[in-house]
């Protein structure tokens, strides 16, 4: 018994159909006793269509079947991979990579484009020569203004006006009314606020500037006159034999009220020795240290601050005594 493939069967059927159509198309003499069938045009057309259909089927089986077989194998492998992933879960390396990518995305959203400074500065403010205080503020970094009087005591604020509430927010801290807090809402914006200090004769103008690089986190503002919490006695105590109690300049320097026109000079030889000025042709020194020499007039307030007056402004050498009893030579003005 012979077994034929579908392709072989189809090929044989096609050949038989073609052969039969040829026989039907033949003619014979009536004398032979043979009945001759002559196909019409419709039958010939049907045979042709069947032959075309058979050729297409044979081409599909021979040419397309290998491609279809490869696609079926690919789908089988994919299905196997999906089933394996479901059973085994996501590999640890992929989970680690995904977490690392998520961490990088969070960092990219939050890291500033430029590094921002956070400075702490101190400035002096004179009521006799007032100027606007410039305060640069960066995003996500509120700034604080701290007000102190000439004796170093805090000076509370009593109110403020805000120039642009859309771009900046500002407030006087409830628990510490000498601190003014400012935050920027719109980078690179500018605004002007006015501050009112208790008993201060005029408003203090603050120029707010939104900046992303220069940023002052804390700005200490030292005012030139004593405030409501000043730790000083208006009656200066003259040291016996030194005089100075009748010198208005010394009184003002004792409360850190620097007269206009004063020329400040350096003091070197000891850290934080104090400050010195030439005023009206005289040398004045403000220090927390006792001065041993040269000859001078001096006063002291109850907070322990000394103010010395030296008649000769060219005097460049002095000796200061530290709290531990050490005598230190300092140079003033040169």
C-alpha atoms as a PDB file:
ATOM      1  CA  UNK A   1       0.000   0.000   0.000  1.00  0.00           C
ATOM      2  CA  UNK A   2       1.296   3.339  -0.996  1.00  0.00           C
ATOM      3  CA  UNK A   3       0.703   6.524   0.931  1.00  0.00           C
ATOM      4  CA  UNK A   4       0.649   9.809  -0.905  1.00  0.00           C
ATOM      5  CA  UNK A   5       1.253  13.213   0.587  1.00  0.00           C
ATOM      6  CA  UNK A   6      -1.324  15.957   0.230  1.00  0.00           C
ATOM      7  CA  UNK A   7       0.944  17.645  -2.235  1.00  0.00           C
ATOM      8  CA  UNK A   8       1.218  14.525  -4.390  1.00  0.00           C
ATOM      9  CA  UNK A   9      -2.560  13.991  -4.296  1.00  0.00           C
ATOM     10  CA  UNK A  10      -3.217  17.552  -5.329  1.00  0.00           C
ATOM     11  CA  UNK A  11      -0.687  17.312  -8.125  1.00  0.00           C
ATOM     12  CA  UNK A  12      -2.264  14.098  -9.455  1.00  0.00           C
ATOM     13  CA  UNK A  13      -5.738  15.595  -9.279  1.00  0.00           C
ATOM     14  CA  UNK A  14      -4.590  18.589 -11.229  1.00  0.00           C
ATOM     15  CA  UNK A  15      -3.001  16.429 -13.932  1.00  0.00           C
ATOM     16  CA  UNK A  16      -6.137  14.236 -14.197  1.00  0.00           C
ATOM     17  CA  UNK A  17      -8.324  17.296 -14.474  1.00  0.00           C
ATOM     18  CA  UNK A  18      -6.175  18.702 -17.210  1.00  0.00           C
ATOM     19  CA  UNK A  19      -6.175  15.319 -19.026  1.00  0.00           C
ATOM     20  CA  UNK A  20      -9.947  14.989 -18.816  1.00  0.00           C
ATOM     21  CA  UNK A  21     -10.478  18.432 -20.172  1.00  0.00           C
ATOM     22  CA  UNK A  22      -8.271  17.509 -23.109  1.00  0.00           C
ATOM     23  CA  UNK A  23     -10.271  14.339 -23.825  1.00  0.00           C
ATOM     24  CA  UNK A  24     -13.549  16.128 -23.606  1.00  0.00           C
ATOM     25  CA  UNK A  25     -12.298  18.600 -26.112  1.00  0.00           C
ATOM     26  CA  UNK A  26     -11.575  15.859 -28.769  1.00  0.00           C
ATOM     27  CA  UNK A  27     -13.969  14.964 -31.657  1.00  0.00           C
ATOM     28  CA  UNK A  28     -14.548  11.624 -33.385  1.00  0.00           C
ATOM     29  CA  UNK A  29     -16.429  10.373 -36.424  1.00  0.00           C
ATOM     30  CA  UNK A  30     -20.022   9.334 -35.746  1.00  0.00           C
ATOM     31  CA  UNK A  31     -19.268   6.089 -37.571  1.00  0.00           C
ATOM     32  CA  UNK A  32     -17.026   4.924 -34.765  1.00  0.00           C
ATOM     33  CA  UNK A  33     -19.939   4.840 -32.338  1.00  0.00           C
ATOM     34  CA  UNK A  34     -18.169   7.156 -29.913  1.00  0.00           C
ATOM     35  CA  UNK A  35     -20.150   9.872 -28.154  1.00  0.00           C
ATOM     36  CA  UNK A  36     -18.068  13.032 -28.199  1.00  0.00           C
ATOM     37  CA  UNK A  37     -18.523  15.663 -25.513  1.00  0.00           C
ATOM     38  CA  UNK A  38     -17.528  19.190 -26.406  1.00  0.00           C
ATOM     39  CA  UNK A  39     -17.187  21.518 -23.318  1.00  0.00           C
ATOM     40  CA  UNK A  40     -18.670  24.904 -23.543  1.00  0.00           C
ATOM     41  CA  UNK A  41     -16.877  28.114 -22.607  1.00  0.00           C
ATOM     42  CA  UNK A  42     -18.253  28.148 -19.064  1.00  0.00           C
ATOM     43  CA  UNK A  43     -16.888  24.678 -18.335  1.00  0.00           C
ATOM     44  CA  UNK A  44     -13.497  25.632 -19.745  1.00  0.00           C
ATOM     45  CA  UNK A  45     -13.453  28.736 -17.551  1.00  0.00           C
ATOM     46  CA  UNK A  46     -14.319  26.669 -14.440  1.00  0.00           C
ATOM     47  CA  UNK A  47     -11.514  24.220 -15.196  1.00  0.00           C
ATOM     48  CA  UNK A  48      -9.080  27.107 -15.569  1.00  0.00           C
ATOM     49  CA  UNK A  49     -10.122  28.636 -12.258  1.00  0.00           C
ATOM     50  CA  UNK A  50      -9.687  25.303 -10.526  1.00  0.00           C
ATOM     51  CA  UNK A  51      -6.246  24.934 -11.987  1.00  0.00           C
ATOM     52  CA  UNK A  52      -5.277  28.449 -10.771  1.00  0.00           C
ATOM     53  CA  UNK A  53      -6.620  27.731  -7.302  1.00  0.00           C
ATOM     54  CA  UNK A  54      -4.687  24.483  -7.176  1.00  0.00           C
ATOM     55  CA  UNK A  55      -1.472  26.195  -8.246  1.00  0.00           C
ATOM     56  CA  UNK A  56      -1.892  28.851  -5.510  1.00  0.00           C
ATOM     57  CA  UNK A  57      -2.527  26.218  -2.888  1.00  0.00           C
ATOM     58  CA  UNK A  58       0.531  24.226  -3.959  1.00  0.00           C
ATOM     59  CA  UNK A  59       2.648  27.469  -3.823  1.00  0.00           C
ATOM     60  CA  UNK A  60       1.383  28.307  -0.367  1.00  0.00           C
ATOM     61  CA  UNK A  61       2.161  24.821   0.900  1.00  0.00           C
ATOM     62  CA  UNK A  62       5.641  24.840  -0.549  1.00  0.00           C
ATOM     63  CA  UNK A  63       6.670  28.500   0.019  1.00  0.00           C
ATOM     64  CA  UNK A  64       4.652  29.897   2.944  1.00  0.00           C
ATOM     65  CA  UNK A  65       4.506  26.874   5.228  1.00  0.00           C
ATOM     66  CA  UNK A  66       8.176  27.137   6.348  1.00  0.00           C
ATOM     67  CA  UNK A  67       7.631  30.803   7.274  1.00  0.00           C
ATOM     68  CA  UNK A  68       4.467  29.962   9.154  1.00  0.00           C
ATOM     69  CA  UNK A  69       6.294  27.197  10.973  1.00  0.00           C
ATOM     70  CA  UNK A  70       8.997  29.630  12.116  1.00  0.00           C
ATOM     71  CA  UNK A  71       6.369  32.109  13.363  1.00  0.00           C
ATOM     72  CA  UNK A  72       4.628  29.360  15.318  1.00  0.00           C
ATOM     73  CA  UNK A  73       7.941  28.397  16.908  1.00  0.00           C
ATOM     74  CA  UNK A  74       8.657  32.035  17.817  1.00  0.00           C
ATOM     75  CA  UNK A  75       5.254  32.411  19.455  1.00  0.00           C
ATOM     76  CA  UNK A  76       5.816  29.181  21.346  1.00  0.00           C
ATOM     77  CA  UNK A  77       9.116  30.475  22.708  1.00  0.00           C
ATOM     78  CA  UNK A  78       7.538  33.776  23.718  1.00  0.00           C
ATOM     79  CA  UNK A  79       4.727  31.990  25.513  1.00  0.00           C
ATOM     80  CA  UNK A  80       7.289  29.831  27.283  1.00  0.00           C
ATOM     81  CA  UNK A  81       9.255  32.925  28.323  1.00  0.00           C
ATOM     82  CA  UNK A  82       6.158  34.640  29.695  1.00  0.00           C
ATOM     83  CA  UNK A  83       5.198  31.548  31.653  1.00  0.00           C
ATOM     84  CA  UNK A  84       8.735  31.260  33.021  1.00  0.00           C
ATOM     85  CA  UNK A  85       8.738  34.919  34.113  1.00  0.00           C
ATOM     86  CA  UNK A  86       5.418  34.442  35.877  1.00  0.00           C
ATOM     87  CA  UNK A  87       6.742  31.430  37.753  1.00  0.00           C
ATOM     88  CA  UNK A  88      10.244  32.717  38.502  1.00  0.00           C
ATOM     89  CA  UNK A  89       9.418  36.435  39.008  1.00  0.00           C
ATOM     90  CA  UNK A  90      11.514  39.464  37.955  1.00  0.00           C
ATOM     91  CA  UNK A  91      15.265  38.826  38.219  1.00  0.00           C
ATOM     92  CA  UNK A  92      16.983  40.710  41.107  1.00  0.00           C
ATOM     93  CA  UNK A  93      19.307  42.572  38.731  1.00  0.00           C
ATOM     94  CA  UNK A  94      16.338  44.103  36.915  1.00  0.00           C
ATOM     95  CA  UNK A  95      14.732  45.138  40.215  1.00  0.00           C
ATOM     96  CA  UNK A  96      17.983  46.812  41.298  1.00  0.00           C
ATOM     97  CA  UNK A  97      18.266  48.641  37.974  1.00  0.00           C
ATOM     98  CA  UNK A  98      14.673  49.847  38.238  1.00  0.00           C
ATOM     99  CA  UNK A  99      15.231  51.144  41.782  1.00  0.00           C
ATOM    100  CA  UNK A 100      18.431  52.869  40.686  1.00  0.00           C
ATOM    101  CA  UNK A 101      16.602  54.556  37.801  1.00  0.00           C
ATOM    102  CA  UNK A 102      13.818  55.700  40.136  1.00  0.00           C
ATOM    103  CA  UNK A 103      16.375  57.149  42.537  1.00  0.00           C
ATOM    104  CA  UNK A 104      18.097  59.034  39.694  1.00  0.00           C
ATOM    105  CA  UNK A 105      14.759  60.467  38.547  1.00  0.00           C
ATOM    106  CA  UNK A 106      13.979  61.735  42.060  1.00  0.00           C
ATOM    107  CA  UNK A 107      17.436  63.269  42.311  1.00  0.00           C
ATOM    108  CA  UNK A 108      17.090  64.915  38.883  1.00  0.00           C
ATOM    109  CA  UNK A 109      13.790  66.530  39.913  1.00  0.00           C
ATOM    110  CA  UNK A 110      15.112  67.909  43.205  1.00  0.00           C
ATOM    111  CA  UNK A 111      18.773  68.782  42.659  1.00  0.00           C
ATOM    112  CA  UNK A 112      19.320  72.515  41.970  1.00  0.00           C
ATOM    113  CA  UNK A 113      20.694  73.478  38.590  1.00  0.00           C
ATOM    114  CA  UNK A 114      23.372  75.558  40.331  1.00  0.00           C
ATOM    115  CA  UNK A 115      24.960  75.322  43.760  1.00  0.00           C
ATOM    116  CA  UNK A 116      23.479  77.907  46.105  1.00  0.00           C
ATOM    117  CA  UNK A 117      25.470  79.804  48.733  1.00  0.00           C
ATOM    118  CA  UNK A 118      24.229  80.086  52.301  1.00  0.00           C
ATOM    119  CA  UNK A 119      26.042  83.046  53.809  1.00  0.00           C
ATOM    120  CA  UNK A 120      25.827  84.577  57.269  1.00  0.00           C
ATOM    121  CA  UNK A 121      26.696  88.279  57.216  1.00  0.00           C
ATOM    122  CA  UNK A 122      26.658  91.272  59.538  1.00  0.00           C
ATOM    123  CA  UNK A 123      26.098  94.873  58.442  1.00  0.00           C
ATOM    124  CA  UNK A 124      25.889  98.205  60.232  1.00  0.00           C
ATOM    125  CA  UNK A 125      22.906 100.484  59.783  1.00  0.00           C
ATOM    126  CA  UNK A 126      23.002 104.165  60.694  1.00  0.00           C
ATOM    127  CA  UNK A 127      19.813 106.098  61.302  1.00  0.00           C
ATOM    128  CA  UNK A 128      21.635 109.295  60.334  1.00  0.00           C
ATOM    129  CA  UNK A 129      22.556 107.932  56.895  1.00  0.00           C
ATOM    130  CA  UNK A 130      19.888 105.327  56.038  1.00  0.00           C
ATOM    131  CA  UNK A 131      20.097 103.164  52.909  1.00  0.00           C
ATOM    132  CA  UNK A 132      18.006 100.274  51.610  1.00  0.00           C
ATOM    133  CA  UNK A 133      19.205  96.852  52.790  1.00  0.00           C
ATOM    134  CA  UNK A 134      19.622  94.440  49.885  1.00  0.00           C
ATOM    135  CA  UNK A 135      18.667  90.849  50.730  1.00  0.00           C
ATOM    136  CA  UNK A 136      19.247  88.100  48.097  1.00  0.00           C
ATOM    137  CA  UNK A 137      17.034  85.060  48.680  1.00  0.00           C
ATOM    138  CA  UNK A 138      17.233  81.689  46.902  1.00  0.00           C
ATOM    139  CA  UNK A 139      14.469  79.138  46.377  1.00  0.00           C
ATOM    140  CA  UNK A 140      13.980  76.559  49.163  1.00  0.00           C
ATOM    141  CA  UNK A 141      16.213  78.641  51.479  1.00  0.00           C
ATOM    142  CA  UNK A 142      14.411  81.262  53.588  1.00  0.00           C
ATOM    143  CA  UNK A 143      16.429  84.231  54.798  1.00  0.00           C
ATOM    144  CA  UNK A 144      16.366  85.731  58.289  1.00  0.00           C
ATOM    145  CA  UNK A 145      17.119  89.311  59.304  1.00  0.00           C
ATOM    146  CA  UNK A 146      18.160  89.777  62.933  1.00  0.00           C
ATOM    147  CA  UNK A 147      18.117  93.289  64.398  1.00  0.00           C
ATOM    148  CA  UNK A 148      20.403  94.344  67.252  1.00  0.00           C
ATOM    149  CA  UNK A 149      21.073  97.712  68.809  1.00  0.00           C
ATOM    150  CA  UNK A 150      24.432  99.370  69.439  1.00  0.00           C
ATOM    151  CA  UNK A 151      24.910  97.481  72.707  1.00  0.00           C
ATOM    152  CA  UNK A 152      24.335  94.089  71.081  1.00  0.00           C
ATOM    153  CA  UNK A 153      20.822  93.606  72.454  1.00  0.00           C
ATOM    154  CA  UNK A 154      17.970  92.491  70.207  1.00  0.00           C
ATOM    155  CA  UNK A 155      15.673  95.136  68.773  1.00  0.00           C
ATOM    156  CA  UNK A 156      12.081  93.893  68.313  1.00  0.00           C
ATOM    157  CA  UNK A 157       9.979  94.708  65.263  1.00  0.00           C
ATOM    158  CA  UNK A 158       6.517  96.159  65.626  1.00  0.00           C
ATOM    159  CA  UNK A 159       5.229  95.751  62.055  1.00  0.00           C
ATOM    160  CA  UNK A 160       6.015  95.473  58.347  1.00  0.00           C
ATOM    161  CA  UNK A 161       4.536  96.101  54.912  1.00  0.00           C
ATOM    162  CA  UNK A 162       4.998  93.635  52.069  1.00  0.00           C
ATOM    163  CA  UNK A 163       5.489  94.943  48.549  1.00  0.00           C
ATOM    164  CA  UNK A 164       4.791  91.779  46.513  1.00  0.00           C
ATOM    165  CA  UNK A 165       2.974  88.919  48.227  1.00  0.00           C
ATOM    166  CA  UNK A 166       2.809  86.932  44.976  1.00  0.00           C
ATOM    167  CA  UNK A 167       6.598  86.660  44.664  1.00  0.00           C
ATOM    168  CA  UNK A 168       7.694  86.668  48.331  1.00  0.00           C
ATOM    169  CA  UNK A 169       6.353  85.639  51.715  1.00  0.00           C
ATOM    170  CA  UNK A 170       7.539  87.352  54.898  1.00  0.00           C
ATOM    171  CA  UNK A 171       6.703  87.375  58.585  1.00  0.00           C
ATOM    172  CA  UNK A 172       7.869  88.557  61.996  1.00  0.00           C
ATOM    173  CA  UNK A 173       8.464  85.472  64.134  1.00  0.00           C
ATOM    174  CA  UNK A 174       5.998  85.257  66.998  1.00  0.00           C
ATOM    175  CA  UNK A 175       8.389  83.915  69.600  1.00  0.00           C
ATOM    176  CA  UNK A 176      11.339  86.110  68.534  1.00  0.00           C
ATOM    177  CA  UNK A 177      10.017  89.434  67.319  1.00  0.00           C
ATOM    178  CA  UNK A 178      13.507  90.717  66.435  1.00  0.00           C
ATOM    179  CA  UNK A 179      13.771  88.148  63.606  1.00  0.00           C
ATOM    180  CA  UNK A 180      12.219  88.784  60.184  1.00  0.00           C
ATOM    181  CA  UNK A 181      11.793  85.748  57.903  1.00  0.00           C
ATOM    182  CA  UNK A 182      11.597  86.002  54.105  1.00  0.00           C
ATOM    183  CA  UNK A 183      11.076  83.286  51.460  1.00  0.00           C
ATOM    184  CA  UNK A 184      10.916  83.633  47.677  1.00  0.00           C
ATOM    185  CA  UNK A 185       8.065  82.129  45.649  1.00  0.00           C
ATOM    186  CA  UNK A 186       9.084  83.329  42.172  1.00  0.00           C
ATOM    187  CA  UNK A 187      12.817  83.063  41.384  1.00  0.00           C
ATOM    188  CA  UNK A 188      14.487  86.240  40.063  1.00  0.00           C
ATOM    189  CA  UNK A 189      11.624  88.446  41.290  1.00  0.00           C
ATOM    190  CA  UNK A 190      12.254  91.687  43.189  1.00  0.00           C
ATOM    191  CA  UNK A 191      10.227  93.540  45.805  1.00  0.00           C
ATOM    192  CA  UNK A 192      10.535  96.206  48.504  1.00  0.00           C
ATOM    193  CA  UNK A 193       9.381  95.726  52.101  1.00  0.00           C
ATOM    194  CA  UNK A 194       9.326  98.288  54.894  1.00  0.00           C
ATOM    195  CA  UNK A 195      10.055  97.289  58.495  1.00  0.00           C
ATOM    196  CA  UNK A 196       9.052  99.124  61.651  1.00  0.00           C
ATOM    197  CA  UNK A 197      11.175  98.710  64.784  1.00  0.00           C
ATOM    198  CA  UNK A 198       9.892  99.586  68.228  1.00  0.00           C
ATOM    199  CA  UNK A 199      10.927 103.162  69.002  1.00  0.00           C
ATOM    200  CA  UNK A 200      13.095 103.505  65.876  1.00  0.00           C
ATOM    201  CA  UNK A 201      12.556 106.937  64.291  1.00  0.00           C
ATOM    202  CA  UNK A 202      12.005 105.714  60.715  1.00  0.00           C
ATOM    203  CA  UNK A 203      11.064 102.627  58.679  1.00  0.00           C
ATOM    204  CA  UNK A 204      13.867 100.395  57.432  1.00  0.00           C
ATOM    205  CA  UNK A 205      13.666  99.607  53.708  1.00  0.00           C
ATOM    206  CA  UNK A 206      14.465  96.036  52.638  1.00  0.00           C
ATOM    207  CA  UNK A 207      15.125  95.342  48.947  1.00  0.00           C
ATOM    208  CA  UNK A 208      14.281  91.674  48.278  1.00  0.00           C
ATOM    209  CA  UNK A 209      15.996  90.024  45.306  1.00  0.00           C
ATOM    210  CA  UNK A 210      15.302  86.452  44.187  1.00  0.00           C
ATOM    211  CA  UNK A 211      18.636  84.858  43.276  1.00  0.00           C
ATOM    212  CA  UNK A 212      19.632  81.235  42.765  1.00  0.00           C
ATOM    213  CA  UNK A 213      23.369  81.511  43.431  1.00  0.00           C
ATOM    214  CA  UNK A 214      24.111  84.261  45.940  1.00  0.00           C
ATOM    215  CA  UNK A 215      22.006  83.680  49.026  1.00  0.00           C
ATOM    216  CA  UNK A 216      22.164  85.178  52.517  1.00  0.00           C
ATOM    217  CA  UNK A 217      20.627  82.805  55.041  1.00  0.00           C
ATOM    218  CA  UNK A 218      21.163  85.074  58.061  1.00  0.00           C
ATOM    219  CA  UNK A 219      21.766  88.833  57.960  1.00  0.00           C
ATOM    220  CA  UNK A 220      22.602  90.489  61.279  1.00  0.00           C
ATOM    221  CA  UNK A 221      21.729  94.191  61.209  1.00  0.00           C
ATOM    222  CA  UNK A 222      23.564  96.231  63.850  1.00  0.00           C
ATOM    223  CA  UNK A 223      21.879  99.567  64.467  1.00  0.00           C
ATOM    224  CA  UNK A 224      23.873 102.634  65.453  1.00  0.00           C
ATOM    225  CA  UNK A 225      21.871 103.582  68.557  1.00  0.00           C
ATOM    226  CA  UNK A 226      20.695 101.762  71.687  1.00  0.00           C
ATOM    227  CA  UNK A 227      17.273 100.157  71.492  1.00  0.00           C
ATOM    228  CA  UNK A 228      14.489  99.401  73.976  1.00  0.00           C
ATOM    229  CA  UNK A 229      16.439  96.436  75.375  1.00  0.00           C
ATOM    230  CA  UNK A 230      19.805  98.222  75.528  1.00  0.00           C
ATOM    231  CA  UNK A 231      22.129  96.945  78.243  1.00  0.00           C
ATOM    232  CA  UNK A 232      23.846 100.217  79.053  1.00  0.00           C
ATOM    233  CA  UNK A 233      23.675 102.992  81.583  1.00  0.00           C
ATOM    234  CA  UNK A 234      23.375 106.512  80.169  1.00  0.00           C
ATOM    235  CA  UNK A 235      25.604 107.723  82.988  1.00  0.00           C
ATOM    236  CA  UNK A 236      29.104 106.720  81.903  1.00  0.00           C
ATOM    237  CA  UNK A 237      31.534 105.905  84.699  1.00  0.00           C
ATOM    238  CA  UNK A 238      34.833 107.810  84.457  1.00  0.00           C
ATOM    239  CA  UNK A 239      37.815 105.942  85.805  1.00  0.00           C
ATOM    240  CA  UNK A 240      39.439 107.979  88.562  1.00  0.00           C
ATOM    241  CA  UNK A 241      42.254 110.144  87.269  1.00  0.00           C
ATOM    242  CA  UNK A 242      41.534 109.478  83.583  1.00  0.00           C
ATOM    243  CA  UNK A 243      38.607 111.793  82.835  1.00  0.00           C
ATOM    244  CA  UNK A 244      36.516 111.448  79.710  1.00  0.00           C
ATOM    245  CA  UNK A 245      33.077 111.554  81.275  1.00  0.00           C
ATOM    246  CA  UNK A 246      32.293 114.865  79.614  1.00  0.00           C
ATOM    247  CA  UNK A 247      33.248 113.654  76.105  1.00  0.00           C
ATOM    248  CA  UNK A 248      30.057 113.122  74.071  1.00  0.00           C
ATOM    249  CA  UNK A 249      31.989 111.212  71.408  1.00  0.00           C
ATOM    250  CA  UNK A 250      33.122 108.641  73.959  1.00  0.00           C
ATOM    251  CA  UNK A 251      29.547 108.222  75.165  1.00  0.00           C
ATOM    252  CA  UNK A 252      28.344 107.582  71.625  1.00  0.00           C
ATOM    253  CA  UNK A 253      31.122 105.101  70.910  1.00  0.00           C
ATOM    254  CA  UNK A 254      30.290 103.229  74.114  1.00  0.00           C
ATOM    255  CA  UNK A 255      26.837 102.422  72.742  1.00  0.00           C
ATOM    256  CA  UNK A 256      28.309 101.731  69.287  1.00  0.00           C
ATOM    257  CA  UNK A 257      26.865 104.906  67.757  1.00  0.00           C
ATOM    258  CA  UNK A 258      29.620 105.837  65.322  1.00  0.00           C
ATOM    259  CA  UNK A 259      29.630 109.576  64.482  1.00  0.00           C
ATOM    260  CA  UNK A 260      29.493 110.500  60.824  1.00  0.00           C
ATOM    261  CA  UNK A 261      32.904 111.488  59.494  1.00  0.00           C
ATOM    262  CA  UNK A 262      34.745 109.022  61.733  1.00  0.00           C
ATOM    263  CA  UNK A 263      37.706 107.369  59.982  1.00  0.00           C
ATOM    264  CA  UNK A 264      38.140 103.790  61.135  1.00  0.00           C
ATOM    265  CA  UNK A 265      41.647 102.342  61.495  1.00  0.00           C
ATOM    266  CA  UNK A 266      42.793  98.785  62.122  1.00  0.00           C
ATOM    267  CA  UNK A 267      43.893  97.182  65.382  1.00  0.00           C
ATOM    268  CA  UNK A 268      46.314  94.252  64.994  1.00  0.00           C
ATOM    269  CA  UNK A 269      48.136  92.056  67.468  1.00  0.00           C
ATOM    270  CA  UNK A 270      45.214  90.353  69.192  1.00  0.00           C
ATOM    271  CA  UNK A 271      42.080  88.829  67.767  1.00  0.00           C
ATOM    272  CA  UNK A 272      38.866  90.791  68.335  1.00  0.00           C
ATOM    273  CA  UNK A 273      40.749  93.554  70.137  1.00  0.00           C
ATOM    274  CA  UNK A 274      38.036  96.075  69.315  1.00  0.00           C
ATOM    275  CA  UNK A 275      37.673  98.995  66.930  1.00  0.00           C
ATOM    276  CA  UNK A 276      39.456 102.314  66.524  1.00  0.00           C
ATOM    277  CA  UNK A 277      38.676 105.617  64.804  1.00  0.00           C
ATOM    278  CA  UNK A 278      40.215 109.031  64.225  1.00  0.00           C
ATOM    279  CA  UNK A 279      37.585 111.640  65.118  1.00  0.00           C
ATOM    280  CA  UNK A 280      38.205 115.381  65.296  1.00  0.00           C
ATOM    281  CA  UNK A 281      41.962 114.861  65.269  1.00  0.00           C
ATOM    282  CA  UNK A 282      41.935 112.382  68.163  1.00  0.00           C
ATOM    283  CA  UNK A 283      42.349 108.602  68.305  1.00  0.00           C
ATOM    284  CA  UNK A 284      39.459 106.683  69.906  1.00  0.00           C
ATOM    285  CA  UNK A 285      39.534 102.975  70.770  1.00  0.00           C
ATOM    286  CA  UNK A 286      36.517 100.851  71.765  1.00  0.00           C
ATOM    287  CA  UNK A 287      37.501  97.552  73.390  1.00  0.00           C
ATOM    288  CA  UNK A 288      36.545  95.066  76.048  1.00  0.00           C
ATOM    289  CA  UNK A 289      40.172  94.956  77.200  1.00  0.00           C
ATOM    290  CA  UNK A 290      41.834  97.217  79.789  1.00  0.00           C
ATOM    291  CA  UNK A 291      44.458  99.494  78.224  1.00  0.00           C
ATOM    292  CA  UNK A 292      47.714  99.805  80.212  1.00  0.00           C
ATOM    293  CA  UNK A 293      49.405 102.397  78.014  1.00  0.00           C
ATOM    294  CA  UNK A 294      49.784 104.952  76.448  1.00  0.00           C
ATOM    295  CA  UNK A 295      48.326 107.871  78.462  1.00  0.00           C
ATOM    296  CA  UNK A 296      44.640 108.305  77.630  1.00  0.00           C
ATOM    297  CA  UNK A 297      41.217 109.353  78.851  1.00  0.00           C
ATOM    298  CA  UNK A 298      38.715 106.549  79.274  1.00  0.00           C
ATOM    299  CA  UNK A 299      35.176 105.686  80.247  1.00  0.00           C
ATOM    300  CA  UNK A 300      33.378 102.432  80.844  1.00  0.00           C
ATOM    301  CA  UNK A 301      29.733 101.508  80.765  1.00  0.00           C
ATOM    302  CA  UNK A 302      28.021  98.951  82.977  1.00  0.00           C
ATOM    303  CA  UNK A 303      28.222  96.291  80.226  1.00  0.00           C
ATOM    304  CA  UNK A 304      32.035  96.313  80.543  1.00  0.00           C
ATOM    305  CA  UNK A 305      32.904  98.149  77.308  1.00  0.00           C
ATOM    306  CA  UNK A 306      35.858 100.567  77.508  1.00  0.00           C
ATOM    307  CA  UNK A 307      36.282 103.630  75.308  1.00  0.00           C
ATOM    308  CA  UNK A 308      39.705 105.242  75.216  1.00  0.00           C
ATOM    309  CA  UNK A 309      40.729 108.631  73.863  1.00  0.00           C
ATOM    310  CA  UNK A 310      44.337 109.205  72.857  1.00  0.00           C
ATOM    311  CA  UNK A 311      45.235 112.782  72.090  1.00  0.00           C
ATOM    312  CA  UNK A 312      47.938 111.953  69.553  1.00  0.00           C
ATOM    313  CA  UNK A 313      46.346 110.238  66.506  1.00  0.00           C
ATOM    314  CA  UNK A 314      49.762 109.114  65.307  1.00  0.00           C
ATOM    315  CA  UNK A 315      50.203 106.929  68.381  1.00  0.00           C
ATOM    316  CA  UNK A 316      50.555 103.458  66.872  1.00  0.00           C
ATOM    317  CA  UNK A 317      51.381 101.242  69.848  1.00  0.00           C
ATOM    318  CA  UNK A 318      49.323 100.272  72.884  1.00  0.00           C
ATOM    319  CA  UNK A 319      49.253  97.530  75.500  1.00  0.00           C
ATOM    320  CA  UNK A 320      46.032  95.729  76.339  1.00  0.00           C
ATOM    321  CA  UNK A 321      45.532  93.388  79.285  1.00  0.00           C
ATOM    322  CA  UNK A 322      43.500  90.232  78.646  1.00  0.00           C
ATOM    323  CA  UNK A 323      41.178  88.710  81.291  1.00  0.00           C
ATOM    324  CA  UNK A 324      43.843  86.137  82.193  1.00  0.00           C
ATOM    325  CA  UNK A 325      46.306  88.923  83.049  1.00  0.00           C
ATOM    326  CA  UNK A 326      48.458  88.786  79.941  1.00  0.00           C
ATOM    327  CA  UNK A 327      49.737  92.082  78.524  1.00  0.00           C
ATOM    328  CA  UNK A 328      49.497  92.171  74.713  1.00  0.00           C
ATOM    329  CA  UNK A 329      51.161  94.735  72.461  1.00  0.00           C
ATOM    330  CA  UNK A 330      48.845  95.944  69.674  1.00  0.00           C
ATOM    331  CA  UNK A 331      49.337  98.221  66.698  1.00  0.00           C
ATOM    332  CA  UNK A 332      46.733 100.825  65.875  1.00  0.00           C
ATOM    333  CA  UNK A 333      46.340 102.400  62.473  1.00  0.00           C
ATOM    334  CA  UNK A 334      49.566 101.178  60.805  1.00  0.00           C
END
